[in-house]
Amino acid sequence: MIRIIYNWNVAPEKLALFIETWKRTTNQIHKEVKGARGSFMLQNDSDPTAIKTIARWDSLDDWKKFWHEGKHNQMESMHDLGERISVEIFREIDDFTS
């Protein structure tokens, strides 16, 4: 398993629409793309414009295939609403969340 952490900066007036767009987009990707295991969103408590979306994938190869096959265009509407600052890739060691 891997986790992809996307760091976003979203203007306050676009935040509600960004969240709704992310919900629709992440659920669509989870349903349609091999290896996509879902995602969650975090908002910085001291800076509400700082957002992290953290996606879980079966493998790095699945995630790369998603990007190389052009299926990432589902995320374009998110890019219209927020600025993606960075993308980080982490290998999942363990997960004791429920």
PDB file of N, CA and C in Angstrom:
ATOM      1  N   MET A   1       0.837  -1.179   0.000  1.00  0.00           N
ATOM      2  CA  MET A   1       0.000   0.000   0.000  1.00  0.00           C
ATOM      3  C   MET A   1       0.882   1.243   0.000  1.00  0.00           C
ATOM      4  N   ILE A   2       0.383   2.263  -0.661  1.00  0.00           N
ATOM      5  CA  ILE A   2       1.049   3.558  -0.597  1.00  0.00           C
ATOM      6  C   ILE A   2      -0.001   4.619  -0.255  1.00  0.00           C
ATOM      7  N   ARG A   3       0.482   5.740   0.219  1.00  0.00           N
ATOM      8  CA  ARG A   3      -0.349   6.921   0.455  1.00  0.00           C
ATOM      9  C   ARG A   3       0.256   8.059  -0.347  1.00  0.00           C
ATOM     10  N   ILE A   4      -0.615   8.766  -1.034  1.00  0.00           N
ATOM     11  CA  ILE A   4      -0.205   9.953  -1.779  1.00  0.00           C
ATOM     12  C   ILE A   4      -0.792  11.153  -1.048  1.00  0.00           C
ATOM     13  N   ILE A   5       0.073  12.077  -0.645  1.00  0.00           N
ATOM     14  CA  ILE A   5      -0.381  13.265   0.066  1.00  0.00           C
ATOM     15  C   ILE A   5      -0.279  14.457  -0.872  1.00  0.00           C
ATOM     16  N   TYR A   6      -1.452  15.032  -1.170  1.00  0.00           N
ATOM     17  CA  TYR A   6      -1.536  16.232  -1.992  1.00  0.00           C
ATOM     18  C   TYR A   6      -1.738  17.419  -1.052  1.00  0.00           C
ATOM     19  N   ASN A   7      -0.888  18.420  -1.169  1.00  0.00           N
ATOM     20  CA  ASN A   7      -1.022  19.632  -0.378  1.00  0.00           C
ATOM     21  C   ASN A   7      -1.635  20.721  -1.252  1.00  0.00           C
ATOM     22  N   TRP A   8      -2.712  21.334  -0.762  1.00  0.00           N
ATOM     23  CA  TRP A   8      -3.477  22.318  -1.523  1.00  0.00           C
ATOM     24  C   TRP A   8      -3.565  23.641  -0.770  1.00  0.00           C
ATOM     25  N   ASN A   9      -3.688  24.702  -1.527  1.00  0.00           N
ATOM     26  CA  ASN A   9      -4.036  26.008  -0.988  1.00  0.00           C
ATOM     27  C   ASN A   9      -5.330  26.414  -1.679  1.00  0.00           C
ATOM     28  N   VAL A  10      -6.391  26.625  -0.882  1.00  0.00           N
ATOM     29  CA  VAL A  10      -7.706  26.905  -1.438  1.00  0.00           C
ATOM     30  C   VAL A  10      -8.230  28.210  -0.838  1.00  0.00           C
ATOM     31  N   ALA A  11      -8.596  29.146  -1.689  1.00  0.00           N
ATOM     32  CA  ALA A  11      -9.141  30.422  -1.220  1.00  0.00           C
ATOM     33  C   ALA A  11     -10.434  30.177  -0.434  1.00  0.00           C
ATOM     34  N   PRO A  12     -10.654  30.952   0.627  1.00  0.00           N
ATOM     35  CA  PRO A  12     -11.842  30.735   1.469  1.00  0.00           C
ATOM     36  C   PRO A  12     -13.157  30.720   0.691  1.00  0.00           C
ATOM     37  N   GLU A  13     -13.289  31.578  -0.298  1.00  0.00           N
ATOM     38  CA  GLU A  13     -14.540  31.649  -1.053  1.00  0.00           C
ATOM     39  C   GLU A  13     -14.755  30.447  -1.980  1.00  0.00           C
ATOM     40  N   LYS A  14     -13.709  29.658  -2.205  1.00  0.00           N
ATOM     41  CA  LYS A  14     -13.823  28.476  -3.062  1.00  0.00           C
ATOM     42  C   LYS A  14     -13.817  27.173  -2.272  1.00  0.00           C
ATOM     43  N   LEU A  15     -13.658  27.263  -0.965  1.00  0.00           N
ATOM     44  CA  LEU A  15     -13.455  26.074  -0.145  1.00  0.00           C
ATOM     45  C   LEU A  15     -14.639  25.112  -0.182  1.00  0.00           C
ATOM     46  N   ALA A  16     -15.853  25.605  -0.018  1.00  0.00           N
ATOM     47  CA  ALA A  16     -17.027  24.719  -0.002  1.00  0.00           C
ATOM     48  C   ALA A  16     -17.159  23.965  -1.330  1.00  0.00           C
ATOM     49  N   LEU A  17     -16.970  24.650  -2.438  1.00  0.00           N
ATOM     50  CA  LEU A  17     -17.063  23.999  -3.742  1.00  0.00           C
ATOM     51  C   LEU A  17     -15.904  23.025  -3.947  1.00  0.00           C
ATOM     52  N   PHE A  18     -14.705  23.379  -3.459  1.00  0.00           N
ATOM     53  CA  PHE A  18     -13.560  22.487  -3.544  1.00  0.00           C
ATOM     54  C   PHE A  18     -13.856  21.172  -2.814  1.00  0.00           C
ATOM     55  N   ILE A  19     -14.417  21.274  -1.616  1.00  0.00           N
ATOM     56  CA  ILE A  19     -14.730  20.082  -0.815  1.00  0.00           C
ATOM     57  C   ILE A  19     -15.748  19.203  -1.542  1.00  0.00           C
ATOM     58  N   GLU A  20     -16.793  19.801  -2.060  1.00  0.00           N
ATOM     59  CA  GLU A  20     -17.813  19.028  -2.795  1.00  0.00           C
ATOM     60  C   GLU A  20     -17.223  18.379  -4.041  1.00  0.00           C
ATOM     61  N   THR A  21     -16.383  19.118  -4.748  1.00  0.00           N
ATOM     62  CA  THR A  21     -15.737  18.586  -5.949  1.00  0.00           C
ATOM     63  C   THR A  21     -14.809  17.433  -5.587  1.00  0.00           C
ATOM     64  N   TRP A  22     -14.053  17.587  -4.513  1.00  0.00           N
ATOM     65  CA  TRP A  22     -13.166  16.512  -4.060  1.00  0.00           C
ATOM     66  C   TRP A  22     -13.965  15.258  -3.706  1.00  0.00           C
ATOM     67  N   LYS A  23     -15.062  15.405  -2.986  1.00  0.00           N
ATOM     68  CA  LYS A  23     -15.894  14.253  -2.621  1.00  0.00           C
ATOM     69  C   LYS A  23     -16.336  13.485  -3.862  1.00  0.00           C
ATOM     70  N   ARG A  24     -16.856  14.204  -4.825  1.00  0.00           N
ATOM     71  CA  ARG A  24     -17.335  13.569  -6.059  1.00  0.00           C
ATOM     72  C   ARG A  24     -16.172  12.904  -6.804  1.00  0.00           C
ATOM     73  N   THR A  25     -15.067  13.611  -6.908  1.00  0.00           N
ATOM     74  CA  THR A  25     -13.908  13.126  -7.659  1.00  0.00           C
ATOM     75  C   THR A  25     -13.282  11.898  -7.004  1.00  0.00           C
ATOM     76  N   THR A  26     -13.040  11.974  -5.713  1.00  0.00           N
ATOM     77  CA  THR A  26     -12.382  10.848  -5.038  1.00  0.00           C
ATOM     78  C   THR A  26     -13.262   9.603  -5.045  1.00  0.00           C
ATOM     79  N   ASN A  27     -14.564   9.765  -4.908  1.00  0.00           N
ATOM     80  CA  ASN A  27     -15.457   8.611  -4.955  1.00  0.00           C
ATOM     81  C   ASN A  27     -15.506   8.003  -6.355  1.00  0.00           C
ATOM     82  N   GLN A  28     -15.487   8.847  -7.379  1.00  0.00           N
ATOM     83  CA  GLN A  28     -15.485   8.353  -8.758  1.00  0.00           C
ATOM     84  C   GLN A  28     -14.199   7.575  -9.045  1.00  0.00           C
ATOM     85  N   ILE A  29     -13.069   8.118  -8.637  1.00  0.00           N
ATOM     86  CA  ILE A  29     -11.790   7.436  -8.856  1.00  0.00           C
ATOM     87  C   ILE A  29     -11.779   6.100  -8.114  1.00  0.00           C
ATOM     88  N   HIS A  30     -12.244   6.099  -6.876  1.00  0.00           N
ATOM     89  CA  HIS A  30     -12.268   4.874  -6.082  1.00  0.00           C
ATOM     90  C   HIS A  30     -13.107   3.790  -6.751  1.00  0.00           C
ATOM     91  N   LYS A  31     -14.221   4.177  -7.355  1.00  0.00           N
ATOM     92  CA  LYS A  31     -15.101   3.207  -8.011  1.00  0.00           C
ATOM     93  C   LYS A  31     -14.559   2.713  -9.349  1.00  0.00           C
ATOM     94  N   GLU A  32     -13.860   3.580 -10.081  1.00  0.00           N
ATOM     95  CA  GLU A  32     -13.532   3.286 -11.471  1.00  0.00           C
ATOM     96  C   GLU A  32     -12.082   2.903 -11.757  1.00  0.00           C
ATOM     97  N   VAL A  33     -11.165   3.193 -10.852  1.00  0.00           N
ATOM     98  CA  VAL A  33      -9.747   3.030 -11.170  1.00  0.00           C
ATOM     99  C   VAL A  33      -9.148   1.878 -10.359  1.00  0.00           C
ATOM    100  N   LYS A  34      -8.537   0.939 -11.064  1.00  0.00           N
ATOM    101  CA  LYS A  34      -7.895  -0.211 -10.414  1.00  0.00           C
ATOM    102  C   LYS A  34      -6.820   0.276  -9.442  1.00  0.00           C
ATOM    103  N   GLY A  35      -6.878  -0.247  -8.234  1.00  0.00           N
ATOM    104  CA  GLY A  35      -5.859   0.056  -7.232  1.00  0.00           C
ATOM    105  C   GLY A  35      -6.168   1.243  -6.348  1.00  0.00           C
ATOM    106  N   ALA A  36      -7.144   2.057  -6.715  1.00  0.00           N
ATOM    107  CA  ALA A  36      -7.512   3.216  -5.903  1.00  0.00           C
ATOM    108  C   ALA A  36      -8.344   2.741  -4.718  1.00  0.00           C
ATOM    109  N   ARG A  37      -7.913   3.081  -3.510  1.00  0.00           N
ATOM    110  CA  ARG A  37      -8.570   2.578  -2.298  1.00  0.00           C
ATOM    111  C   ARG A  37      -9.339   3.654  -1.543  1.00  0.00           C
ATOM    112  N   GLY A  38      -9.412   4.856  -2.092  1.00  0.00           N
ATOM    113  CA  GLY A  38     -10.128   5.926  -1.419  1.00  0.00           C
ATOM    114  C   GLY A  38      -9.183   6.990  -0.902  1.00  0.00           C
ATOM    115  N   SER A  39      -9.769   7.985  -0.263  1.00  0.00           N
ATOM    116  CA  SER A  39      -9.004   9.146   0.152  1.00  0.00           C
ATOM    117  C   SER A  39      -9.691   9.824   1.324  1.00  0.00           C
ATOM    118  N   PHE A  40      -8.938  10.639   2.042  1.00  0.00           N
ATOM    119  CA  PHE A  40      -9.548  11.490   3.046  1.00  0.00           C
ATOM    120  C   PHE A  40      -8.926  12.876   2.968  1.00  0.00           C
ATOM    121  N   MET A  41      -9.623  13.843   3.567  1.00  0.00           N
ATOM    122  CA  MET A  41      -9.211  15.238   3.492  1.00  0.00           C
ATOM    123  C   MET A  41      -8.985  15.780   4.897  1.00  0.00           C
ATOM    124  N   LEU A  42      -7.944  16.595   5.038  1.00  0.00           N
ATOM    125  CA  LEU A  42      -7.640  17.272   6.294  1.00  0.00           C
ATOM    126  C   LEU A  42      -7.545  18.772   6.037  1.00  0.00           C
ATOM    127  N   GLN A  43      -7.990  19.559   7.018  1.00  0.00           N
ATOM    128  CA  GLN A  43      -7.898  21.017   6.935  1.00  0.00           C
ATOM    129  C   GLN A  43      -7.080  21.501   8.124  1.00  0.00           C
ATOM    130  N   ASN A  44      -6.114  22.368   7.859  1.00  0.00           N
ATOM    131  CA  ASN A  44      -5.270  22.915   8.906  1.00  0.00           C
ATOM    132  C   ASN A  44      -6.110  23.773   9.842  1.00  0.00           C
ATOM    133  N   ASP A  45      -6.009  23.529  11.134  1.00  0.00           N
ATOM    134  CA  ASP A  45      -6.821  24.235  12.115  1.00  0.00           C
ATOM    135  C   ASP A  45      -6.468  25.718  12.208  1.00  0.00           C
ATOM    136  N   SER A  46      -5.197  26.054  12.056  1.00  0.00           N
ATOM    137  CA  SER A  46      -4.793  27.460  12.174  1.00  0.00           C
ATOM    138  C   SER A  46      -4.801  28.201  10.840  1.00  0.00           C
ATOM    139  N   ASP A  47      -4.861  27.467   9.733  1.00  0.00           N
ATOM    140  CA  ASP A  47      -4.934  28.071   8.404  1.00  0.00           C
ATOM    141  C   ASP A  47      -5.923  27.278   7.558  1.00  0.00           C
ATOM    142  N   PRO A  48      -7.212  27.641   7.585  1.00  0.00           N
ATOM    143  CA  PRO A  48      -8.244  26.871   6.884  1.00  0.00           C
ATOM    144  C   PRO A  48      -8.055  26.772   5.371  1.00  0.00           C
ATOM    145  N   THR A  49      -7.172  27.585   4.797  1.00  0.00           N
ATOM    146  CA  THR A  49      -6.918  27.499   3.356  1.00  0.00           C
ATOM    147  C   THR A  49      -5.925  26.385   3.020  1.00  0.00           C
ATOM    148  N   ALA A  50      -5.272  25.833   4.039  1.00  0.00           N
ATOM    149  CA  ALA A  50      -4.300  24.749   3.840  1.00  0.00           C
ATOM    150  C   ALA A  50      -5.018  23.406   3.982  1.00  0.00           C
ATOM    151  N   ILE A  51      -5.068  22.678   2.883  1.00  0.00           N
ATOM    152  CA  ILE A  51      -5.792  21.409   2.794  1.00  0.00           C
ATOM    153  C   ILE A  51      -4.820  20.307   2.389  1.00  0.00           C
ATOM    154  N   LYS A  52      -5.001  19.137   2.975  1.00  0.00           N
ATOM    155  CA  LYS A  52      -4.283  17.937   2.535  1.00  0.00           C
ATOM    156  C   LYS A  52      -5.330  16.910   2.120  1.00  0.00           C
ATOM    157  N   THR A  53      -5.109  16.281   0.991  1.00  0.00           N
ATOM    158  CA  THR A  53      -5.913  15.126   0.609  1.00  0.00           C
ATOM    159  C   THR A  53      -4.948  13.952   0.555  1.00  0.00           C
ATOM    160  N   ILE A  54      -5.346  12.863   1.196  1.00  0.00           N
ATOM    161  CA  ILE A  54      -4.457  11.723   1.332  1.00  0.00           C
ATOM    162  C   ILE A  54      -5.142  10.498   0.729  1.00  0.00           C
ATOM    163  N   ALA A  55      -4.583  10.045  -0.375  1.00  0.00           N
ATOM    164  CA  ALA A  55      -5.158   8.921  -1.118  1.00  0.00           C
ATOM    165  C   ALA A  55      -4.387   7.648  -0.800  1.00  0.00           C
ATOM    166  N   ARG A  56      -5.113   6.546  -0.782  1.00  0.00           N
ATOM    167  CA  ARG A  56      -4.498   5.239  -0.546  1.00  0.00           C
ATOM    168  C   ARG A  56      -4.604   4.421  -1.828  1.00  0.00           C
ATOM    169  N   TRP A  57      -3.495   3.824  -2.231  1.00  0.00           N
ATOM    170  CA  TRP A  57      -3.414   3.021  -3.448  1.00  0.00           C
ATOM    171  C   TRP A  57      -2.803   1.665  -3.131  1.00  0.00           C
ATOM    172  N   ASP A  58      -3.208   0.660  -3.886  1.00  0.00           N
ATOM    173  CA  ASP A  58      -2.628  -0.676  -3.714  1.00  0.00           C
ATOM    174  C   ASP A  58      -1.127  -0.671  -3.974  1.00  0.00           C
ATOM    175  N   SER A  59      -0.705   0.078  -5.004  1.00  0.00           N
ATOM    176  CA  SER A  59       0.718   0.086  -5.353  1.00  0.00           C
ATOM    177  C   SER A  59       1.086   1.388  -6.052  1.00  0.00           C
ATOM    178  N   LEU A  60       2.362   1.664  -6.053  1.00  0.00           N
ATOM    179  CA  LEU A  60       2.871   2.827  -6.773  1.00  0.00           C
ATOM    180  C   LEU A  60       2.612   2.665  -8.270  1.00  0.00           C
ATOM    181  N   ASP A  61       2.724   1.439  -8.768  1.00  0.00           N
ATOM    182  CA  ASP A  61       2.455   1.191 -10.189  1.00  0.00           C
ATOM    183  C   ASP A  61       1.011   1.538 -10.561  1.00  0.00           C
ATOM    184  N   ASP A  62       0.046   1.192  -9.685  1.00  0.00           N
ATOM    185  CA  ASP A  62      -1.354   1.537  -9.957  1.00  0.00           C
ATOM    186  C   ASP A  62      -1.532   3.042 -10.039  1.00  0.00           C
ATOM    187  N   TRP A  63      -0.918   3.771  -9.105  1.00  0.00           N
ATOM    188  CA  TRP A  63      -1.031   5.234  -9.095  1.00  0.00           C
ATOM    189  C   TRP A  63      -0.386   5.844 -10.345  1.00  0.00           C
ATOM    190  N   LYS A  64       0.794   5.360 -10.700  1.00  0.00           N
ATOM    191  CA  LYS A  64       1.485   5.872 -11.894  1.00  0.00           C
ATOM    192  C   LYS A  64       0.667   5.583 -13.152  1.00  0.00           C
ATOM    193  N   LYS A  65       0.080   4.406 -13.228  1.00  0.00           N
ATOM    194  CA  LYS A  65      -0.751   4.054 -14.382  1.00  0.00           C
ATOM    195  C   LYS A  65      -1.945   5.010 -14.494  1.00  0.00           C
ATOM    196  N   PHE A  66      -2.558   5.323 -13.346  1.00  0.00           N
ATOM    197  CA  PHE A  66      -3.659   6.287 -13.295  1.00  0.00           C
ATOM    198  C   PHE A  66      -3.245   7.614 -13.930  1.00  0.00           C
ATOM    199  N   TRP A  67      -2.063   8.097 -13.596  1.00  0.00           N
ATOM    200  CA  TRP A  67      -1.588   9.372 -14.143  1.00  0.00           C
ATOM    201  C   TRP A  67      -1.158   9.247 -15.600  1.00  0.00           C
ATOM    202  N   HIS A  68      -0.483   8.163 -15.954  1.00  0.00           N
ATOM    203  CA  HIS A  68       0.036   8.017 -17.319  1.00  0.00           C
ATOM    204  C   HIS A  68      -1.057   7.719 -18.339  1.00  0.00           C
ATOM    205  N   GLU A  69      -2.164   7.134 -17.915  1.00  0.00           N
ATOM    206  CA  GLU A  69      -3.255   6.831 -18.839  1.00  0.00           C
ATOM    207  C   GLU A  69      -4.219   8.000 -19.003  1.00  0.00           C
ATOM    208  N   GLY A  70      -3.925   9.109 -18.334  1.00  0.00           N
ATOM    209  CA  GLY A  70      -4.753  10.301 -18.514  1.00  0.00           C
ATOM    210  C   GLY A  70      -6.044  10.307 -17.718  1.00  0.00           C
ATOM    211  N   LYS A  71      -6.226   9.344 -16.833  1.00  0.00           N
ATOM    212  CA  LYS A  71      -7.451   9.311 -16.039  1.00  0.00           C
ATOM    213  C   LYS A  71      -7.480  10.399 -14.973  1.00  0.00           C
ATOM    214  N   HIS A  72      -6.342  11.032 -14.749  1.00  0.00           N
ATOM    215  CA  HIS A  72      -6.268  12.092 -13.743  1.00  0.00           C
ATOM    216  C   HIS A  72      -7.056  13.336 -14.143  1.00  0.00           C
ATOM    217  N   ASN A  73      -7.563  13.385 -15.376  1.00  0.00           N
ATOM    218  CA  ASN A  73      -8.343  14.550 -15.797  1.00  0.00           C
ATOM    219  C   ASN A  73      -9.583  14.734 -14.927  1.00  0.00           C
ATOM    220  N   GLN A  74      -9.962  13.677 -14.184  1.00  0.00           N
ATOM    221  CA  GLN A  74     -11.069  13.797 -13.233  1.00  0.00           C
ATOM    222  C   GLN A  74     -10.735  14.818 -12.153  1.00  0.00           C
ATOM    223  N   MET A  75      -9.459  15.075 -11.945  1.00  0.00           N
ATOM    224  CA  MET A  75      -9.031  16.003 -10.898  1.00  0.00           C
ATOM    225  C   MET A  75      -8.917  17.440 -11.401  1.00  0.00           C
ATOM    226  N   GLU A  76      -9.126  17.665 -12.695  1.00  0.00           N
ATOM    227  CA  GLU A  76      -8.954  19.009 -13.253  1.00  0.00           C
ATOM    228  C   GLU A  76      -9.850  20.040 -12.578  1.00  0.00           C
ATOM    229  N   SER A  77     -11.083  19.665 -12.239  1.00  0.00           N
ATOM    230  CA  SER A  77     -11.974  20.623 -11.603  1.00  0.00           C
ATOM    231  C   SER A  77     -11.457  21.034 -10.230  1.00  0.00           C
ATOM    232  N   MET A  78     -10.722  20.155  -9.562  1.00  0.00           N
ATOM    233  CA  MET A  78     -10.110  20.522  -8.288  1.00  0.00           C
ATOM    234  C   MET A  78      -9.012  21.557  -8.513  1.00  0.00           C
ATOM    235  N   HIS A  79      -8.262  21.396  -9.594  1.00  0.00           N
ATOM    236  CA  HIS A  79      -7.194  22.342  -9.916  1.00  0.00           C
ATOM    237  C   HIS A  79      -7.757  23.711 -10.294  1.00  0.00           C
ATOM    238  N   ASP A  80      -8.987  23.741 -10.788  1.00  0.00           N
ATOM    239  CA  ASP A  80      -9.631  25.015 -11.106  1.00  0.00           C
ATOM    240  C   ASP A  80     -10.000  25.779  -9.837  1.00  0.00           C
ATOM    241  N   LEU A  81     -10.128  25.067  -8.721  1.00  0.00           N
ATOM    242  CA  LEU A  81     -10.594  25.681  -7.469  1.00  0.00           C
ATOM    243  C   LEU A  81      -9.488  25.894  -6.444  1.00  0.00           C
ATOM    244  N   GLY A  82      -8.418  25.141  -6.548  1.00  0.00           N
ATOM    245  CA  GLY A  82      -7.339  25.257  -5.578  1.00  0.00           C
ATOM    246  C   GLY A  82      -5.993  25.066  -6.243  1.00  0.00           C
ATOM    247  N   GLU A  83      -4.963  25.517  -5.558  1.00  0.00           N
ATOM    248  CA  GLU A  83      -3.603  25.374  -6.069  1.00  0.00           C
ATOM    249  C   GLU A  83      -2.947  24.179  -5.379  1.00  0.00           C
ATOM    250  N   ARG A  84      -2.561  23.200  -6.178  1.00  0.00           N
ATOM    251  CA  ARG A  84      -1.853  22.052  -5.603  1.00  0.00           C
ATOM    252  C   ARG A  84      -0.403  22.469  -5.402  1.00  0.00           C
ATOM    253  N   ILE A  85       0.028  22.445  -4.164  1.00  0.00           N
ATOM    254  CA  ILE A  85       1.363  22.897  -3.791  1.00  0.00           C
ATOM    255  C   ILE A  85       2.402  21.798  -3.987  1.00  0.00           C
ATOM    256  N   SER A  86       2.040  20.562  -3.584  1.00  0.00           N
ATOM    257  CA  SER A  86       3.008  19.475  -3.687  1.00  0.00           C
ATOM    258  C   SER A  86       2.295  18.126  -3.666  1.00  0.00           C
ATOM    259  N   VAL A  87       3.045  17.108  -4.063  1.00  0.00           N
ATOM    260  CA  VAL A  87       2.593  15.716  -4.016  1.00  0.00           C
ATOM    261  C   VAL A  87       3.721  14.918  -3.373  1.00  0.00           C
ATOM    262  N   GLU A  88       3.378  14.143  -2.340  1.00  0.00           N
ATOM    263  CA  GLU A  88       4.363  13.313  -1.667  1.00  0.00           C
ATOM    264  C   GLU A  88       3.886  11.868  -1.688  1.00  0.00           C
ATOM    265  N   ILE A  89       4.824  10.946  -1.842  1.00  0.00           N
ATOM    266  CA  ILE A  89       4.504   9.523  -1.896  1.00  0.00           C
ATOM    267  C   ILE A  89       5.125   8.839  -0.679  1.00  0.00           C
ATOM    268  N   PHE A  90       4.288   8.095   0.053  1.00  0.00           N
ATOM    269  CA  PHE A  90       4.750   7.361   1.222  1.00  0.00           C
ATOM    270  C   PHE A  90       4.332   5.899   1.104  1.00  0.00           C
ATOM    271  N   ARG A  91       5.207   5.007   1.490  1.00  0.00           N
ATOM    272  CA  ARG A  91       4.858   3.598   1.579  1.00  0.00           C
ATOM    273  C   ARG A  91       4.217   3.371   2.949  1.00  0.00           C
ATOM    274  N   GLU A  92       3.108   2.671   2.954  1.00  0.00           N
ATOM    275  CA  GLU A  92       2.399   2.414   4.199  1.00  0.00           C
ATOM    276  C   GLU A  92       3.100   1.274   4.937  1.00  0.00           C
ATOM    277  N   ILE A  93       3.509   1.524   6.148  1.00  0.00           N
ATOM    278  CA  ILE A  93       4.173   0.519   6.972  1.00  0.00           C
ATOM    279  C   ILE A  93       3.133  -0.260   7.761  1.00  0.00           C
ATOM    280  N   ASP A  94       2.214   0.458   8.397  1.00  0.00           N
ATOM    281  CA  ASP A  94       1.164  -0.165   9.190  1.00  0.00           C
ATOM    282  C   ASP A  94       0.054   0.845   9.383  1.00  0.00           C
ATOM    283  N   ASP A  95      -1.142   0.358   9.719  1.00  0.00           N
ATOM    284  CA  ASP A  95      -2.291   1.238   9.930  1.00  0.00           C
ATOM    285  C   ASP A  95      -3.167   0.617  11.012  1.00  0.00           C
ATOM    286  N   PHE A  96      -3.237   1.274  12.150  1.00  0.00           N
ATOM    287  CA  PHE A  96      -4.059   0.779  13.252  1.00  0.00           C
ATOM    288  C   PHE A  96      -5.312   1.613  13.440  1.00  0.00           C
ATOM    289  N   THR A  97      -5.692   2.391  12.403  1.00  0.00           N
ATOM    290  CA  THR A  97      -6.935   3.145  12.482  1.00  0.00           C
ATOM    291  C   THR A  97      -8.099   2.221  12.174  1.00  0.00           C
ATOM    292  N   SER A  98      -9.260   2.614  12.627  1.00  0.00           N
ATOM    293  CA  SER A  98     -10.430   1.772  12.336  1.00  0.00           C
ATOM    294  C   SER A  98     -11.416   2.514  11.452  1.00  0.00           C
TER     295      SER A  98
END
